């Protein structure tokens, strides 16, 4: 929610892009996998950011050996990273998602005032910075934040607004907007506060006069500042006295002001209900979303951060005449099945989808594939060859495995403990019949990402939870060769370098610290598991007809 300060400023003023430094200090150095970055960047997108840049991508001269030049607080998005060959998986996901989130306009229905004067009125000592590392002091304890979190959880979308923005707002057709390029909002919420400038209250009343709906969680108690206090207090009280509230049902009071309404209620959700402002009920499943509007429709970017699979119809406030389902991980798309203002989705834990609800029907788009049933999995519990393709400090020897297992299990070979790079697992499969619509290759444990080749063709990169990929179109009846190129973390090689006291820290000033800002030393690290582990299954899939 901290990021909504930035996205709100852009949305409310009609700016196209909100940019964000992403993945700073995500984990300890050399221990960040691409699968760990996905839920992080999804939280960024869900907060309204639509343009990310990586922290960090450093320049390294060609003659500088591994690990190259690094920055102390960053995930290393650099060619020296052993995971670099699979960065395309993350990049493609972000590219597809951002292309949607940068189109059209944001589509949030609520504006919520940030009571900045309350925050300024309660500093700790002479100075208190509003920074991300002390949000538990200045943000989390406030009613503003409580409302933000609760409303978000039950399916409302909102942006924050300031005194200046309120002064620049206008009301037309019961909607509020700041500039012509900005989206319109259905309601303005003033959360529980002590201080409100009389000028801001005057601007709020003007909005209501022209048709806006406003919700107050309480009546402001005072004006901020020490300039002409009594005069301004009198003005505040005079303005408040103009609002003649009438009791309504269930802790709600309402006053008609010009063409608009002002609601007074300590329960903001009840007030929204009273105004018939609809929430997106899809959040009842635990799904999170962000919505965009375009001419003739809306986009929904939906993420499953729950621990369960969601396979059901979900309601949408806007369904249009057609809902296209798009998978931002692999680019697949198709027309979804709709019923009574809802669309069917299948989302495993960790997955995301983009829905395009449109007033126009495109009959050239194929149907979306819904899994109807799966057959008994084929377990690839068999002989695999393990070889090594690239990396260092040296390539371990090729070996034959009875079952897939991490190369770090072979502790008798010192090179497997220090190696960071790409290991290639290869096996063959005899498919007696190919009678399913598709086949899902599912990895139990993957350290850390994999490029899958089937019969010499690249099927794709497996880099995020759940670790699986559809490979049906590359399989054939009879003998098939499955090759999995697995990249591991840089941690193994750095651990080895620190144990051997090989100099690699060549930086000025901070000269490299760990995540706790202590001197960095990887020599005592445990070896991080690397490669494939557990069962690998090939699951026949049948789609709904």
Protein backbone atom coordinates (compact mmCIF):
# COMPACT_ATOMS: atom_id res chain seq x y z
CA UNK A 1 0.00 0.00 0.00
CA UNK A 2 2.98 2.32 0.49
CA UNK A 3 3.39 2.34 -3.30
CA UNK A 4 -0.13 3.72 -3.72
CA UNK A 5 1.19 7.16 -2.75
CA UNK A 6 3.02 7.17 -6.08
CA UNK A 7 0.40 5.48 -8.25
CA UNK A 8 -2.36 7.67 -6.78
CA UNK A 9 -0.51 10.86 -7.70
CA UNK A 10 -0.19 9.59 -11.29
CA UNK A 11 -3.74 8.24 -11.59
CA UNK A 12 -5.49 11.25 -10.08
CA UNK A 13 -3.61 13.70 -12.31
CA UNK A 14 -3.91 11.60 -15.49
CA UNK A 15 -0.25 10.63 -15.86
CA UNK A 16 0.34 7.54 -18.01
CA UNK A 17 3.20 5.88 -16.13
CA UNK A 18 4.13 5.24 -12.52
CA UNK A 19 7.65 3.88 -12.22
CA UNK A 20 9.17 1.91 -9.39
CA UNK A 21 12.59 0.73 -8.28
CA UNK A 22 11.90 -2.97 -7.80
CA UNK A 23 13.55 -5.85 -5.88
CA UNK A 24 15.90 -3.74 -3.73
CA UNK A 25 17.32 -5.99 -1.00
CA UNK A 26 14.81 -8.71 -1.90
CA UNK A 27 16.94 -11.42 -0.26
CA UNK A 28 20.54 -11.89 0.77
CA UNK A 29 23.07 -11.44 -2.03
CA UNK A 30 23.38 -14.26 -4.55
CA UNK A 31 20.36 -16.09 -3.09
CA UNK A 32 17.49 -14.56 -5.10
CA UNK A 33 15.75 -16.84 -7.59
CA UNK A 34 13.40 -15.58 -10.31
CA UNK A 35 10.54 -17.44 -8.59
CA UNK A 36 10.99 -15.12 -5.58
CA UNK A 37 10.73 -12.01 -7.75
CA UNK A 38 7.32 -12.84 -9.25
CA UNK A 39 5.09 -12.33 -6.17
CA UNK A 40 7.09 -9.18 -5.38
CA UNK A 41 6.54 -7.58 -8.78
CA UNK A 42 2.89 -8.66 -8.61
CA UNK A 43 2.44 -6.71 -5.37
CA UNK A 44 3.94 -3.73 -7.19
CA UNK A 45 1.49 -4.08 -10.10
CA UNK A 46 -1.45 -4.56 -7.71
CA UNK A 47 -0.52 -1.25 -6.05
CA UNK A 48 -1.04 0.55 -9.36
CA UNK A 49 2.57 0.69 -10.59
CA UNK A 50 2.83 -0.01 -14.31
CA UNK A 51 6.51 0.55 -15.11
CA UNK A 52 9.23 -1.25 -13.15
CA UNK A 53 12.97 -0.99 -13.34
CA UNK A 54 15.34 -3.50 -11.82
CA UNK A 55 17.56 -2.88 -8.85
CA UNK A 56 20.03 -3.41 -10.17
CA UNK A 57 21.67 -3.87 -13.50
CA UNK A 58 25.31 -2.90 -13.17
CA UNK A 59 27.93 -2.44 -15.86
CA UNK A 60 30.92 -4.78 -15.83
CA UNK A 61 33.95 -4.37 -18.15
CA UNK A 62 34.62 -7.46 -20.27
CA UNK A 63 37.96 -8.20 -18.58
CA UNK A 64 36.56 -8.28 -15.01
CA UNK A 65 36.15 -11.88 -13.77
CA UNK A 66 33.12 -13.37 -11.96
CA UNK A 67 31.06 -12.03 -10.21
CA UNK A 68 31.70 -8.73 -12.03
CA UNK A 69 30.89 -5.31 -10.64
CA UNK A 70 27.99 -5.36 -8.20
CA UNK A 71 25.93 -2.87 -6.23
CA UNK A 72 25.53 -3.54 -2.52
CA UNK A 73 21.72 -3.36 -2.23
CA UNK A 74 20.61 -5.07 -5.41
CA UNK A 75 19.48 -8.33 -6.91
CA UNK A 76 22.05 -8.93 -9.64
CA UNK A 77 20.25 -8.66 -12.98
CA UNK A 78 23.52 -9.12 -14.84
CA UNK A 79 25.05 -11.61 -17.32
CA UNK A 80 27.45 -12.80 -14.59
CA UNK A 81 24.44 -14.17 -12.65
CA UNK A 82 24.17 -17.94 -13.17
CA UNK A 83 20.38 -17.47 -13.51
CA UNK A 84 20.81 -15.01 -16.42
CA UNK A 85 19.87 -17.54 -19.19
CA UNK A 86 16.33 -17.76 -17.75
CA UNK A 87 15.72 -14.05 -17.08
CA UNK A 88 13.67 -14.02 -20.28
CA UNK A 89 10.89 -15.81 -18.36
CA UNK A 90 10.52 -12.95 -15.87
CA UNK A 91 11.08 -10.28 -18.53
CA UNK A 92 8.35 -11.68 -20.80
CA UNK A 93 5.90 -11.87 -17.90
CA UNK A 94 6.55 -8.24 -16.95
CA UNK A 95 6.44 -7.12 -20.60
CA UNK A 96 3.00 -8.67 -21.20
CA UNK A 97 1.59 -7.43 -17.90
CA UNK A 98 2.90 -3.88 -18.31
CA UNK A 99 1.61 -3.65 -21.88
CA UNK A 100 -1.91 -4.03 -20.44
CA UNK A 101 -1.38 -1.93 -17.30
CA UNK A 102 0.04 0.94 -19.40
CA UNK A 103 -2.97 1.01 -21.72
CA UNK A 104 -6.15 2.98 -21.16
CA UNK A 105 -6.66 4.58 -17.73
CA UNK A 106 -6.77 3.35 -14.16
CA UNK A 107 -10.29 2.43 -13.08
CA UNK A 108 -10.57 3.02 -9.34
CA UNK A 109 -13.93 4.14 -7.95
CA UNK A 110 -12.85 5.75 -4.66
CA UNK A 111 -10.77 8.80 -3.71
CA UNK A 112 -9.54 8.87 -0.12
CA UNK A 113 -8.08 11.99 1.48
CA UNK A 114 -4.76 11.53 3.27
CA UNK A 115 -4.98 13.49 6.58
CA UNK A 116 -1.48 14.91 6.31
CA UNK A 117 -2.10 17.55 9.01
CA UNK A 118 -2.82 14.84 11.59
CA UNK A 119 0.50 13.22 10.71
CA UNK A 120 2.32 16.56 10.96
CA UNK A 121 0.65 17.32 14.29
CA UNK A 122 2.11 14.28 16.04
CA UNK A 123 5.86 14.17 15.36
CA UNK A 124 8.22 12.19 17.57
CA UNK A 125 10.67 14.85 18.67
CA UNK A 126 11.45 17.74 16.36
CA UNK A 127 11.52 15.69 13.18
CA UNK A 128 9.88 12.52 11.89
CA UNK A 129 10.51 11.47 8.31
CA UNK A 130 7.73 9.74 6.39
CA UNK A 131 9.86 6.88 5.14
CA UNK A 132 9.26 3.26 4.24
CA UNK A 133 11.31 1.95 7.15
CA UNK A 134 9.07 3.51 9.81
CA UNK A 135 5.56 3.07 8.37
CA UNK A 136 4.58 1.29 11.58
CA UNK A 137 4.83 4.72 13.28
CA UNK A 138 3.22 7.17 10.86
CA UNK A 139 1.00 5.05 8.59
CA UNK A 140 -0.10 1.71 10.05
CA UNK A 141 -1.76 3.05 13.26
CA UNK A 142 -4.03 5.48 11.36
CA UNK A 143 -7.71 5.11 10.47
CA UNK A 144 -6.69 6.15 6.96
CA UNK A 145 -4.55 3.02 6.60
CA UNK A 146 -7.14 0.81 8.28
CA UNK A 147 -9.75 1.95 5.74
CA UNK A 148 -7.32 1.53 2.86
CA UNK A 149 -6.56 -2.07 3.86
CA UNK A 150 -10.14 -3.10 4.68
CA UNK A 151 -11.66 -1.62 1.54
CA UNK A 152 -8.97 -3.13 -0.65
CA UNK A 153 -9.54 -6.55 0.90
CA UNK A 154 -13.28 -6.53 0.21
CA UNK A 155 -12.88 -5.49 -3.42
CA UNK A 156 -12.89 -1.69 -3.57
CA UNK A 157 -10.26 0.14 -5.61
CA UNK A 158 -9.02 3.53 -4.49
CA UNK A 159 -6.53 6.32 -4.94
CA UNK A 160 -5.29 8.81 -2.36
CA UNK A 161 -5.90 12.53 -2.76
CA UNK A 162 -4.38 15.67 -1.22
CA UNK A 163 -5.75 19.10 -0.28
CA UNK A 164 -4.30 20.60 -3.46
CA UNK A 165 -5.87 17.89 -5.61
CA UNK A 166 -9.26 18.45 -3.96
CA UNK A 167 -8.94 22.18 -4.71
CA UNK A 168 -8.33 21.35 -8.40
CA UNK A 169 -11.19 18.83 -8.64
CA UNK A 170 -14.54 19.30 -10.31
CA UNK A 171 -17.78 17.37 -10.20
CA UNK A 172 -19.82 16.42 -13.24
CA UNK A 173 -22.52 13.75 -13.68
CA UNK A 174 -22.09 12.70 -10.03
CA UNK A 175 -18.39 11.90 -10.71
CA UNK A 176 -15.22 13.62 -9.47
CA UNK A 177 -12.16 14.28 -11.60
CA UNK A 178 -9.03 16.41 -11.40
CA UNK A 179 -8.00 16.89 -15.03
CA UNK A 180 -9.50 16.00 -18.41
CA UNK A 181 -6.88 13.27 -18.87
CA UNK A 182 -7.66 11.68 -15.50
CA UNK A 183 -10.28 9.02 -14.76
CA UNK A 184 -13.50 9.88 -12.90
CA UNK A 185 -14.26 8.72 -9.36
CA UNK A 186 -17.60 7.87 -7.76
CA UNK A 187 -16.95 9.06 -4.21
CA UNK A 188 -14.54 11.00 -1.97
CA UNK A 189 -13.84 9.58 1.50
CA UNK A 190 -12.55 11.75 4.35
CA UNK A 191 -11.27 9.24 6.93
CA UNK A 192 -11.36 9.83 10.67
CA UNK A 193 -9.20 12.86 11.44
CA UNK A 194 -8.68 15.73 13.84
CA UNK A 195 -7.46 18.51 11.54
CA UNK A 196 -8.91 19.70 8.25
CA UNK A 197 -8.20 23.11 6.65
CA UNK A 198 -11.33 25.21 6.32
CA UNK A 199 -10.36 25.86 2.69
CA UNK A 200 -10.40 22.10 1.99
CA UNK A 201 -13.81 21.71 3.62
CA UNK A 202 -15.10 24.58 1.46
CA UNK A 203 -13.79 22.79 -1.66
CA UNK A 204 -15.43 19.53 -0.53
CA UNK A 205 -18.78 21.29 -0.10
CA UNK A 206 -18.41 22.83 -3.56
CA UNK A 207 -17.90 19.35 -5.03
CA UNK A 208 -21.04 18.12 -3.26
CA UNK A 209 -23.03 21.15 -4.46
CA UNK A 210 -22.20 20.10 -8.02
CA UNK A 211 -23.28 16.48 -7.53
CA UNK A 212 -20.40 14.64 -5.84
CA UNK A 213 -20.87 12.02 -3.12
CA UNK A 214 -18.65 12.48 -0.04
CA UNK A 215 -18.23 10.25 3.02
CA UNK A 216 -16.94 11.63 6.33
CA UNK A 217 -15.90 9.09 8.96
CA UNK A 218 -16.19 11.80 11.62
CA UNK A 219 -16.67 15.55 11.77
CA UNK A 220 -13.32 17.39 11.71
CA UNK A 221 -12.49 18.80 15.15
CA UNK A 222 -10.13 21.65 14.31
CA UNK A 223 -8.09 23.52 11.71
CA UNK A 224 -4.32 22.95 11.41
CA UNK A 225 -1.68 25.60 12.01
CA UNK A 226 -1.42 28.74 14.16
CA UNK A 227 -2.33 31.47 11.67
CA UNK A 228 -5.56 33.40 12.44
CA UNK A 229 -6.72 30.43 14.48
CA UNK A 230 -10.02 31.80 15.83
CA UNK A 231 -11.08 33.25 12.49
CA UNK A 232 -10.40 29.98 10.68
CA UNK A 233 -12.04 27.89 13.43
CA UNK A 234 -15.16 29.98 13.06
CA UNK A 235 -15.09 29.43 9.29
CA UNK A 236 -14.71 25.65 9.79
CA UNK A 237 -17.66 25.52 12.23
CA UNK A 238 -19.78 27.68 9.95
CA UNK A 239 -19.14 25.32 7.02
CA UNK A 240 -19.88 22.25 9.15
CA UNK A 241 -23.15 23.82 10.31
CA UNK A 242 -24.26 24.03 6.68
CA UNK A 243 -24.35 20.22 6.56
CA UNK A 244 -27.71 19.14 7.97
CA UNK A 245 -27.43 15.41 8.62
CA UNK A 246 -30.49 13.16 8.87
CA UNK A 247 -30.33 9.73 10.52
CA UNK A 248 -30.54 6.76 8.15
CA UNK A 249 -30.54 3.04 8.90
CA UNK A 250 -27.49 1.36 10.46
CA UNK A 251 -24.98 3.95 11.73
CA UNK A 252 -25.36 6.18 8.67
CA UNK A 253 -26.33 9.86 8.52
CA UNK A 254 -26.97 11.66 5.25
CA UNK A 255 -27.18 15.30 4.19
CA UNK A 256 -28.27 16.53 0.78
CA UNK A 257 -25.95 19.33 -0.34
CA UNK A 258 -26.91 20.88 -3.66
CA UNK A 259 -26.97 18.12 -6.27
CA UNK A 260 -24.82 15.82 -4.13
CA UNK A 261 -24.78 13.89 -0.87
CA UNK A 262 -22.58 13.93 2.20
CA UNK A 263 -22.61 10.80 4.36
CA UNK A 264 -21.42 10.62 7.97
CA UNK A 265 -20.57 7.13 9.25
CA UNK A 266 -17.78 5.55 11.27
CA UNK A 267 -18.30 2.45 9.09
CA UNK A 268 -17.03 3.44 5.64
CA UNK A 269 -18.08 0.14 4.01
CA UNK A 270 -21.67 0.70 5.24
CA UNK A 271 -21.61 4.22 3.79
CA UNK A 272 -20.43 2.89 0.41
CA UNK A 273 -23.21 0.32 0.51
CA UNK A 274 -25.72 3.08 1.25
CA UNK A 275 -24.48 4.98 -1.82
CA UNK A 276 -24.80 1.77 -3.88
CA UNK A 277 -21.12 1.84 -4.84
CA UNK A 278 -20.32 -1.73 -5.76
CA UNK A 279 -17.27 -3.66 -4.70
CA UNK A 280 -15.69 -6.39 -6.85
CA UNK A 281 -16.87 -9.58 -5.15
CA UNK A 282 -14.12 -11.64 -6.79
CA UNK A 283 -11.95 -10.79 -3.75
CA UNK A 284 -14.19 -13.06 -1.63
CA UNK A 285 -12.16 -15.93 -3.13
CA UNK A 286 -8.91 -14.40 -1.83
CA UNK A 287 -7.87 -13.24 -5.30
CA UNK A 288 -6.28 -9.80 -5.73
CA UNK A 289 -6.81 -7.56 -8.74
CA UNK A 290 -6.21 -4.22 -10.39
CA UNK A 291 -8.56 -2.84 -13.04
CA UNK A 292 -7.99 -0.63 -16.10
CA UNK A 293 -10.54 0.98 -18.41
CA UNK A 294 -10.27 1.40 -22.17
CA UNK A 295 -12.73 2.52 -24.85
CA UNK A 296 -15.32 -0.23 -24.94
CA UNK A 297 -14.22 -2.29 -21.97
CA UNK A 298 -12.08 -3.05 -18.95
CA UNK A 299 -8.99 -5.10 -18.11
CA UNK A 300 -8.70 -7.10 -14.90
CA UNK A 301 -5.22 -8.21 -13.82
CA UNK A 302 -5.86 -11.01 -11.31
CA UNK A 303 -3.35 -12.77 -9.05
CA UNK A 304 -3.74 -15.85 -6.85
CA UNK A 305 -1.55 -15.32 -3.78
CA UNK A 306 -3.63 -17.78 -1.74
CA UNK A 307 -2.39 -21.29 -0.94
CA UNK A 308 -5.29 -22.90 -2.80
CA UNK A 309 -6.27 -23.50 -6.41
CA UNK A 310 -9.26 -21.45 -7.55
CA UNK A 311 -11.42 -23.19 -10.15
CA UNK A 312 -14.81 -21.48 -10.33
CA UNK A 313 -16.86 -18.68 -11.80
CA UNK A 314 -15.88 -15.28 -10.42
CA UNK A 315 -18.18 -12.23 -10.61
CA UNK A 316 -17.08 -9.08 -12.45
CA UNK A 317 -18.77 -5.68 -12.11
CA UNK A 318 -18.25 -5.27 -15.85
CA UNK A 319 -18.61 -8.31 -18.08
CA UNK A 320 -19.40 -6.78 -21.51
CA UNK A 321 -20.26 -9.07 -24.43
CA UNK A 322 -17.04 -11.09 -24.37
CA UNK A 323 -14.30 -11.86 -21.84
CA UNK A 324 -10.91 -12.82 -23.23
CA UNK A 325 -8.61 -14.73 -20.88
CA UNK A 326 -4.87 -14.04 -21.25
CA UNK A 327 -1.92 -15.75 -19.59
CA UNK A 328 0.89 -13.19 -19.12
CA UNK A 329 3.45 -15.94 -18.44
CA UNK A 330 3.26 -17.66 -21.82
CA UNK A 331 1.11 -15.39 -24.00
CA UNK A 332 -1.76 -17.85 -24.44
CA UNK A 333 -5.25 -16.37 -24.83
CA UNK A 334 -8.83 -17.38 -25.57
CA UNK A 335 -12.47 -16.49 -24.98
CA UNK A 336 -13.62 -17.35 -21.46
CA UNK A 337 -16.90 -19.00 -20.48
CA UNK A 338 -19.28 -16.44 -18.96
CA UNK A 339 -22.52 -16.84 -17.03
CA UNK A 340 -24.65 -14.29 -15.14
CA UNK A 341 -22.00 -11.52 -14.95
CA UNK A 342 -19.26 -13.99 -14.04
CA UNK A 343 -16.42 -15.71 -15.86
CA UNK A 344 -14.86 -19.09 -15.19
CA UNK A 345 -11.21 -19.10 -14.20
CA UNK A 346 -8.70 -21.76 -13.19
CA UNK A 347 -5.79 -20.34 -11.21
CA UNK A 348 -3.32 -22.41 -9.24
CA UNK A 349 -1.53 -20.88 -6.26
CA UNK A 350 1.07 -18.44 -7.59
CA UNK A 351 -0.55 -17.96 -11.00
CA UNK A 352 -2.05 -14.84 -12.57
CA UNK A 353 -4.37 -13.99 -15.45
CA UNK A 354 -5.50 -10.93 -17.38
CA UNK A 355 -9.19 -10.68 -18.30
CA UNK A 356 -10.28 -8.37 -21.10
CA UNK A 357 -14.01 -7.66 -20.74
CA UNK A 358 -15.16 -5.98 -23.93
CA UNK A 359 -18.34 -4.54 -25.43
CA UNK A 360 -17.16 -5.85 -28.80
CA UNK A 361 -17.23 -9.50 -29.78
CA UNK A 362 -14.31 -10.92 -31.78
CA UNK A 363 -15.30 -14.25 -33.31
CA UNK A 364 -11.77 -14.92 -34.56
CA UNK A 365 -10.48 -15.52 -31.00
CA UNK A 366 -10.40 -19.24 -30.08
CA UNK A 367 -12.01 -20.59 -26.92
CA UNK A 368 -9.93 -20.62 -23.73
CA UNK A 369 -8.80 -24.11 -22.71
CA UNK A 370 -10.29 -25.20 -19.38
CA UNK A 371 -8.92 -28.41 -17.84
CA UNK A 372 -11.82 -30.83 -17.41
CA UNK A 373 -9.91 -33.85 -16.13
CA UNK A 374 -6.43 -35.32 -15.87
CA UNK A 375 -5.34 -38.93 -16.33
CA UNK A 376 -2.97 -40.89 -14.10
CA UNK A 377 0.42 -39.11 -14.13
CA UNK A 378 3.40 -40.73 -15.83
CA UNK A 379 6.17 -40.53 -13.22
CA UNK A 380 9.62 -40.04 -14.76
CA UNK A 381 11.19 -42.06 -11.96
CA UNK A 382 13.91 -43.43 -14.20
CA UNK A 383 17.44 -43.03 -15.44
CA UNK A 384 18.58 -39.48 -16.28
CA UNK A 385 21.89 -38.22 -17.61
CA UNK A 386 23.31 -35.14 -15.88
CA UNK A 387 25.87 -33.02 -17.73
CA UNK A 388 27.02 -29.43 -17.33
CA UNK A 389 26.80 -26.77 -19.98
CA UNK A 390 28.25 -23.51 -18.68
CA UNK A 391 29.32 -21.87 -15.44
CA UNK A 392 32.20 -22.16 -13.02
CA UNK A 393 34.66 -22.25 -11.41
CA UNK A 394 34.79 -25.61 -13.29
CA UNK A 395 32.23 -27.91 -14.88
CA UNK A 396 31.51 -31.04 -12.81
CA UNK A 397 31.78 -34.37 -14.62
CA UNK A 398 28.87 -35.96 -16.48
CA UNK A 399 27.08 -38.76 -14.61
CA UNK A 400 24.10 -41.09 -14.93
CA UNK A 401 21.41 -40.88 -12.25
CA UNK A 402 18.94 -43.60 -11.20
CA UNK A 403 16.44 -40.82 -10.42
CA UNK A 404 16.62 -37.04 -10.80
CA UNK A 405 18.35 -35.44 -7.82
CA UNK A 406 20.28 -32.23 -7.10
CA UNK A 407 23.89 -32.24 -8.25
CA UNK A 408 24.84 -30.85 -4.85
CA UNK A 409 23.99 -34.29 -3.38
CA UNK A 410 27.28 -35.62 -4.79
CA UNK A 411 29.43 -34.28 -1.98
CA UNK A 412 32.38 -36.53 -2.87
CA UNK A 413 32.90 -34.33 -5.96
CA UNK A 414 34.04 -30.92 -4.68
CA UNK A 415 33.19 -29.25 -8.00
CA UNK A 416 29.45 -29.91 -7.45
CA UNK A 417 29.58 -27.90 -4.20
CA UNK A 418 31.18 -24.82 -5.75
CA UNK A 419 29.51 -24.82 -9.17
CA UNK A 420 27.16 -22.03 -10.26
CA UNK A 421 25.80 -22.37 -13.76
CA UNK A 422 23.68 -24.69 -15.89
CA UNK A 423 23.20 -28.42 -15.36
CA UNK A 424 21.44 -30.42 -18.08
CA UNK A 425 19.18 -33.34 -17.10
CA UNK A 426 18.23 -35.61 -20.04
CA UNK A 427 15.93 -38.63 -20.22
CA UNK A 428 13.83 -40.49 -22.79
CA UNK A 429 10.17 -41.39 -22.63
CA UNK A 430 8.28 -43.95 -24.68
CA UNK A 431 4.75 -42.66 -25.22
CA UNK A 432 2.66 -45.65 -26.33
CA UNK A 433 -0.30 -43.48 -27.29
CA UNK A 434 -0.89 -39.75 -27.47
CA UNK A 435 -4.58 -39.42 -26.71
CA UNK A 436 -4.78 -36.42 -24.37
CA UNK A 437 -5.35 -32.80 -25.42
CA UNK A 438 -2.12 -31.74 -23.72
CA UNK A 439 0.57 -32.97 -21.35
CA UNK A 440 1.77 -31.07 -18.29
CA UNK A 441 5.38 -31.54 -17.18
CA UNK A 442 5.35 -30.94 -13.42
CA UNK A 443 8.45 -30.55 -11.24
CA UNK A 444 8.23 -31.33 -7.54
CA UNK A 445 11.27 -29.24 -6.56
CA UNK A 446 13.33 -27.06 -8.85
CA UNK A 447 16.53 -25.27 -7.80
CA UNK A 448 16.08 -22.71 -9.31
CA UNK A 449 14.74 -22.46 -12.88
CA UNK A 450 14.74 -24.55 -16.05
CA UNK A 451 14.57 -24.34 -19.83
CA UNK A 452 12.69 -27.37 -21.13
CA UNK A 453 13.57 -28.93 -24.50
CA UNK A 454 11.40 -31.69 -25.97
CA UNK A 455 12.70 -33.57 -29.01
CA UNK A 456 15.11 -30.71 -29.69
CA UNK A 457 12.43 -27.99 -29.56
CA UNK A 458 12.28 -25.36 -26.84
CA UNK A 459 9.01 -25.71 -24.89
CA UNK A 460 9.66 -22.74 -22.60
CA UNK A 461 11.20 -21.61 -19.32
CA UNK A 462 9.95 -22.85 -15.95
CA UNK A 463 10.88 -20.12 -13.48
CA UNK A 464 7.93 -19.49 -11.13
CA UNK A 465 5.46 -21.27 -8.86
CA UNK A 466 3.90 -23.66 -9.78
CA UNK A 467 6.91 -25.28 -11.46
CA UNK A 468 5.18 -26.79 -14.49
CA UNK A 469 4.81 -26.37 -18.24
CA UNK A 470 2.57 -27.71 -21.02
CA UNK A 471 4.62 -29.71 -23.54
CA UNK A 472 1.94 -31.70 -25.41
CA UNK A 473 2.54 -30.10 -28.80
CA UNK A 474 6.19 -31.15 -28.76
CA UNK A 475 5.60 -34.81 -27.81
CA UNK A 476 5.08 -37.61 -30.32
CA UNK A 477 3.95 -41.21 -30.17
CA UNK A 478 6.95 -43.43 -29.47
CA UNK A 479 10.35 -42.29 -28.21
CA UNK A 480 10.69 -38.72 -26.85
CA UNK A 481 13.75 -36.96 -25.47
CA UNK A 482 13.18 -34.52 -22.60
CA UNK A 483 16.03 -32.18 -21.70
CA UNK A 484 15.91 -29.81 -18.76
CA UNK A 485 18.58 -27.11 -18.49
CA UNK A 486 18.62 -26.08 -14.82
CA UNK A 487 20.31 -22.89 -13.57
CA UNK A 488 21.23 -22.58 -9.89
CA UNK A 489 22.10 -19.64 -7.62
CA UNK A 490 25.39 -17.71 -7.60
CA UNK A 491 25.63 -18.62 -3.90
CA UNK A 492 27.63 -21.84 -4.43
CA UNK A 493 30.45 -20.12 -6.29
CA UNK A 494 30.60 -17.10 -3.97
CA UNK A 495 30.74 -19.42 -0.94
CA UNK A 496 33.68 -21.22 -2.53
CA UNK A 497 35.48 -17.95 -3.33
CA UNK A 498 35.11 -16.68 0.24
CA UNK A 499 36.30 -20.01 1.66
CA UNK A 500 39.39 -19.79 -0.58
CA UNK A 501 39.75 -16.07 0.22
CA UNK A 502 39.67 -15.14 -3.48
CA UNK A 503 39.42 -11.36 -3.81
CA UNK A 504 36.24 -10.24 -5.58
CA UNK A 505 35.14 -7.20 -3.52
CA UNK A 506 36.63 -4.29 -5.44
CA UNK A 507 34.34 -1.41 -4.57
CA UNK A 508 34.78 2.06 -3.13
CA UNK A 509 33.01 3.36 -0.01
CA UNK A 510 30.60 0.68 1.27
CA UNK A 511 32.69 -2.18 -0.15
CA UNK A 512 29.88 -4.71 0.05
CA UNK A 513 27.73 -5.55 3.05
CA UNK A 514 25.14 -8.23 3.73
CA UNK A 515 21.40 -7.67 4.09
CA UNK A 516 21.89 -6.62 7.74
CA UNK A 517 24.54 -4.05 6.70
CA UNK A 518 27.31 -6.11 8.29
CA UNK A 519 30.50 -7.19 6.52
CA UNK A 520 29.59 -9.74 3.85
CA UNK A 521 31.06 -13.24 4.25
CA UNK A 522 29.65 -16.32 2.50
CA UNK A 523 32.31 -18.77 3.72
CA UNK A 524 30.07 -20.25 6.45
CA UNK A 525 27.00 -20.66 4.23
CA UNK A 526 25.49 -24.08 3.73
CA UNK A 527 25.58 -25.36 0.15
CA UNK A 528 22.31 -24.35 -1.54
CA UNK A 529 20.55 -27.31 -3.23
CA UNK A 530 20.96 -27.10 -7.00
CA UNK A 531 19.14 -28.95 -9.79
CA UNK A 532 16.07 -31.20 -9.89
CA UNK A 533 14.62 -33.00 -6.88
CA UNK A 534 11.57 -35.09 -6.04
CA UNK A 535 9.11 -36.55 -8.52
CA UNK A 536 8.84 -35.32 -12.08
CA UNK A 537 5.43 -36.07 -13.54
CA UNK A 538 3.95 -35.95 -17.02
CA UNK A 539 0.21 -35.40 -16.56
CA UNK A 540 -2.22 -36.05 -19.46
CA UNK A 541 -4.82 -33.24 -19.64
CA UNK A 542 -8.28 -33.24 -21.21
CA UNK A 543 -9.90 -29.87 -21.94
CA UNK A 544 -13.61 -29.02 -21.78
CA UNK A 545 -15.25 -29.34 -25.18
